[in-house]
Amino acid sequence: MKAAWSCSERLMRRIKTWLKNESAVLTLEAALVFPVVASLFLTGIAVARKAEAKLALQAALSDSVRTVAAHSYAAKAAADDLPADIAQLFDSQLFDASGERRKEGFFQLVADFVWEHADKRILQRSSLRVTAVEIPDIIVRNGEPYVEIAAEYVLRPIFPFGSYRIVVRAYASERCWIGA
């Protein structure tokens, strides 16, 4: 029993002398505080990048929708003057036999159009995806005359110990003027 007591006494004395040494305390303090400060710093950077991407995506969608809405009257006038066979060709490219809009190429086309209005210093094309598009039928004039685009952008923040994804979503809508 005495040997065990003396061993723990020696250990306590060593710890006390180690704690009295200023450099050891500073090392211990830095080892405890640095991971917390570093994770707060990286989280702050991730939040700032998310806000920047959200603003850039919203601006790109708003500009794209505004451009389509502004040119909808000219598209309507051009569609009125199209020969029937060209109008059928156009409809066969956009719509399938049941009248549903083909989505596979259409969303890609809209994503490319949104990309043309995007701030390329902030956003990357490979992370941009259009999730929904609504355009008015300017030939038949059924439905509401609104252009709507919804998109999402995937951010991959720099975090150690894992790969995380932050998905930023945005939506824009504008009323088209297609005449009376």
Protein backbone atom coordinates (compact mmCIF):
# COMPACT_ATOMS: atom_id res chain seq x y z
CA MET A 1 0.00 0.00 0.00
CA LYS A 2 2.81 2.35 0.81
CA ALA A 3 4.42 1.78 -2.60
CA ALA A 4 1.19 2.62 -4.40
CA TRP A 5 0.76 5.75 -2.30
CA SER A 6 4.28 6.93 -2.98
CA CYS A 7 3.83 6.30 -6.72
CA SER A 8 0.69 8.43 -6.84
CA GLU A 9 2.41 11.11 -4.71
CA ARG A 10 5.30 11.22 -7.15
CA LEU A 11 2.88 11.46 -10.07
CA MET A 12 1.02 14.33 -8.41
CA ARG A 13 4.30 16.15 -7.71
CA ARG A 14 5.33 15.77 -11.35
CA ILE A 15 1.99 17.08 -12.55
CA LYS A 16 2.23 20.07 -10.17
CA THR A 17 5.75 20.91 -11.33
CA TRP A 18 4.68 20.48 -14.94
CA LEU A 19 1.74 22.84 -14.40
CA LYS A 20 4.00 25.40 -12.69
CA ASN A 21 6.10 25.51 -15.83
CA GLU A 22 4.59 28.33 -17.95
CA SER A 23 5.44 26.81 -21.34
CA ALA A 24 3.63 23.59 -20.51
CA VAL A 25 0.46 25.46 -19.56
CA LEU A 26 0.62 27.45 -22.76
CA THR A 27 1.01 24.26 -24.80
CA LEU A 28 -1.91 22.60 -23.04
CA GLU A 29 -4.07 25.71 -23.47
CA ALA A 30 -3.26 25.95 -27.17
CA ALA A 31 -3.98 22.25 -27.70
CA LEU A 32 -7.42 22.68 -26.14
CA VAL A 33 -8.41 26.00 -27.73
CA PHE A 34 -6.99 25.69 -31.27
CA PRO A 35 -9.45 23.05 -32.60
CA VAL A 36 -12.40 25.10 -31.37
CA VAL A 37 -11.11 28.32 -32.93
CA ALA A 38 -10.21 26.57 -36.20
CA SER A 39 -13.65 24.96 -36.50
CA LEU A 40 -15.36 28.30 -35.81
CA PHE A 41 -13.19 29.93 -38.47
CA LEU A 42 -14.02 27.24 -41.07
CA THR A 43 -17.72 27.43 -40.19
CA GLY A 44 -17.65 31.19 -40.70
CA ILE A 45 -16.06 30.74 -44.12
CA ALA A 46 -18.69 28.13 -45.07
CA VAL A 47 -21.55 30.43 -43.99
CA ALA A 48 -20.08 33.33 -45.96
CA ARG A 49 -19.66 31.16 -49.07
CA LYS A 50 -23.24 29.91 -48.75
CA ALA A 51 -24.58 33.46 -48.53
CA GLU A 52 -22.45 34.54 -51.50
CA ALA A 53 -23.63 31.56 -53.59
CA LYS A 54 -27.27 32.18 -52.64
CA LEU A 55 -27.05 35.83 -53.75
CA ALA A 56 -25.25 34.94 -56.99
CA LEU A 57 -27.75 32.18 -57.83
CA GLN A 58 -30.73 34.43 -57.07
CA ALA A 59 -29.27 37.20 -59.25
CA ALA A 60 -28.64 34.79 -62.14
CA LEU A 61 -32.19 33.42 -61.95
CA SER A 62 -33.73 36.89 -61.71
CA ASP A 63 -31.76 38.14 -64.72
CA SER A 64 -32.65 35.04 -66.74
CA VAL A 65 -36.36 35.25 -65.96
CA ARG A 66 -36.41 38.99 -66.65
CA THR A 67 -34.74 38.45 -70.02
CA VAL A 68 -37.24 35.77 -71.06
CA ALA A 69 -40.19 37.87 -69.88
CA ALA A 70 -38.91 40.94 -71.71
CA HIS A 71 -38.57 39.04 -74.99
CA SER A 72 -41.83 37.11 -74.71
CA TYR A 73 -43.82 39.60 -76.80
CA ALA A 74 -41.32 39.31 -79.66
CA ALA A 75 -41.49 35.52 -79.36
CA LYS A 76 -45.28 35.69 -79.44
CA ALA A 77 -45.22 37.85 -82.58
CA ALA A 78 -42.73 35.50 -84.24
CA ALA A 79 -44.82 32.46 -83.25
CA ASP A 80 -47.93 34.02 -84.81
CA ASP A 81 -46.11 34.36 -88.12
CA LEU A 82 -44.62 30.84 -88.16
CA PRO A 83 -45.79 28.49 -90.87
CA ALA A 84 -47.75 25.50 -89.53
CA ASP A 85 -45.10 22.91 -90.40
CA ILE A 86 -42.36 24.80 -88.51
CA ALA A 87 -44.66 25.29 -85.52
CA GLN A 88 -45.33 21.52 -85.51
CA LEU A 89 -41.60 20.82 -85.66
CA PHE A 90 -41.02 23.18 -82.75
CA ASP A 91 -43.81 21.53 -80.74
CA SER A 92 -42.47 18.03 -81.47
CA GLN A 93 -39.07 19.05 -80.07
CA LEU A 94 -40.51 20.48 -76.85
CA PHE A 95 -43.49 18.21 -76.24
CA ASP A 96 -43.99 14.45 -76.44
CA ALA A 97 -47.06 12.67 -77.88
CA SER A 98 -49.11 13.11 -74.70
CA GLY A 99 -48.53 16.86 -74.64
CA GLU A 100 -46.12 16.78 -71.69
CA ARG A 101 -42.99 18.92 -71.92
CA ARG A 102 -39.80 16.98 -72.56
CA LYS A 103 -37.52 17.63 -69.61
CA GLU A 104 -34.26 15.90 -70.44
CA GLY A 105 -32.84 18.49 -72.81
CA PHE A 106 -35.04 21.39 -71.82
CA PHE A 107 -33.68 21.74 -68.26
CA GLN A 108 -30.14 21.53 -69.63
CA LEU A 109 -30.93 24.30 -72.11
CA VAL A 110 -32.39 26.48 -69.35
CA ALA A 111 -29.39 25.75 -67.10
CA ASP A 112 -27.07 26.93 -69.89
CA PHE A 113 -29.18 30.08 -70.25
CA VAL A 114 -29.02 30.74 -66.49
CA TRP A 115 -25.27 30.14 -66.58
CA GLU A 116 -24.91 32.92 -69.16
CA HIS A 117 -26.36 35.33 -66.57
CA ALA A 118 -24.36 33.96 -63.62
CA ASP A 119 -21.34 35.49 -61.92
CA LYS A 120 -18.65 33.07 -63.01
CA ARG A 121 -16.24 34.20 -60.30
CA ILE A 122 -18.58 32.78 -57.65
CA LEU A 123 -20.55 29.94 -59.26
CA GLN A 124 -19.33 26.86 -61.11
CA ARG A 125 -21.35 25.38 -63.97
CA SER A 126 -20.90 21.79 -62.81
CA SER A 127 -22.67 22.53 -59.51
CA LEU A 128 -25.68 24.33 -61.03
CA ARG A 129 -28.87 22.36 -61.66
CA VAL A 130 -32.27 23.63 -62.80
CA THR A 131 -35.04 21.83 -60.91
CA ALA A 132 -38.22 23.41 -62.31
CA VAL A 133 -39.21 25.61 -65.24
CA GLU A 134 -42.60 27.06 -66.12
CA ILE A 135 -43.09 29.06 -69.29
CA PRO A 136 -46.42 30.26 -70.62
CA ASP A 137 -47.82 28.76 -73.77
CA ILE A 138 -47.68 31.90 -75.89
CA ILE A 139 -49.36 30.32 -78.89
CA VAL A 140 -52.52 28.97 -77.24
CA ARG A 141 -52.47 31.37 -74.26
CA ASN A 142 -53.61 28.91 -71.65
CA GLY A 143 -52.43 29.24 -68.08
CA GLU A 144 -50.84 32.17 -66.31
CA PRO A 145 -48.35 34.30 -68.25
CA TYR A 146 -45.46 33.84 -65.80
CA VAL A 147 -41.94 32.62 -66.40
CA GLU A 148 -40.66 30.70 -63.39
CA ILE A 149 -37.30 29.02 -62.84
CA ALA A 150 -36.12 27.12 -59.77
CA ALA A 151 -32.53 25.96 -59.40
CA GLU A 152 -30.12 24.58 -56.87
CA TYR A 153 -26.39 24.95 -56.41
CA VAL A 154 -24.23 22.46 -54.53
CA LEU A 155 -21.38 23.80 -52.41
CA ARG A 156 -18.63 21.59 -51.11
CA PRO A 157 -17.11 23.41 -48.13
CA ILE A 158 -13.58 22.73 -47.00
CA PHE A 159 -13.95 20.79 -43.77
CA PRO A 160 -11.47 18.32 -42.46
CA PHE A 161 -12.73 14.88 -41.46
CA GLY A 162 -15.42 14.32 -44.04
CA SER A 163 -17.05 15.59 -47.16
CA TYR A 164 -20.17 17.65 -46.68
CA ARG A 165 -22.51 19.23 -49.21
CA ILE A 166 -24.49 22.40 -48.77
CA VAL A 167 -27.38 22.79 -51.21
CA VAL A 168 -28.51 26.33 -51.97
CA ARG A 169 -31.93 26.70 -53.62
CA ALA A 170 -33.39 29.75 -55.34
CA TYR A 171 -36.53 30.63 -57.29
CA ALA A 172 -37.43 33.51 -59.59
CA SER A 173 -40.67 34.50 -61.32
CA GLU A 174 -41.63 37.28 -63.71
CA ARG A 175 -44.84 38.15 -65.51
CA CYS A 176 -44.63 38.08 -69.31
CA TRP A 177 -46.24 40.69 -71.46
CA ILE A 178 -47.58 38.80 -74.46
CA GLY A 179 -50.13 41.32 -75.64
CA ALA A 180 -53.83 41.74 -75.13
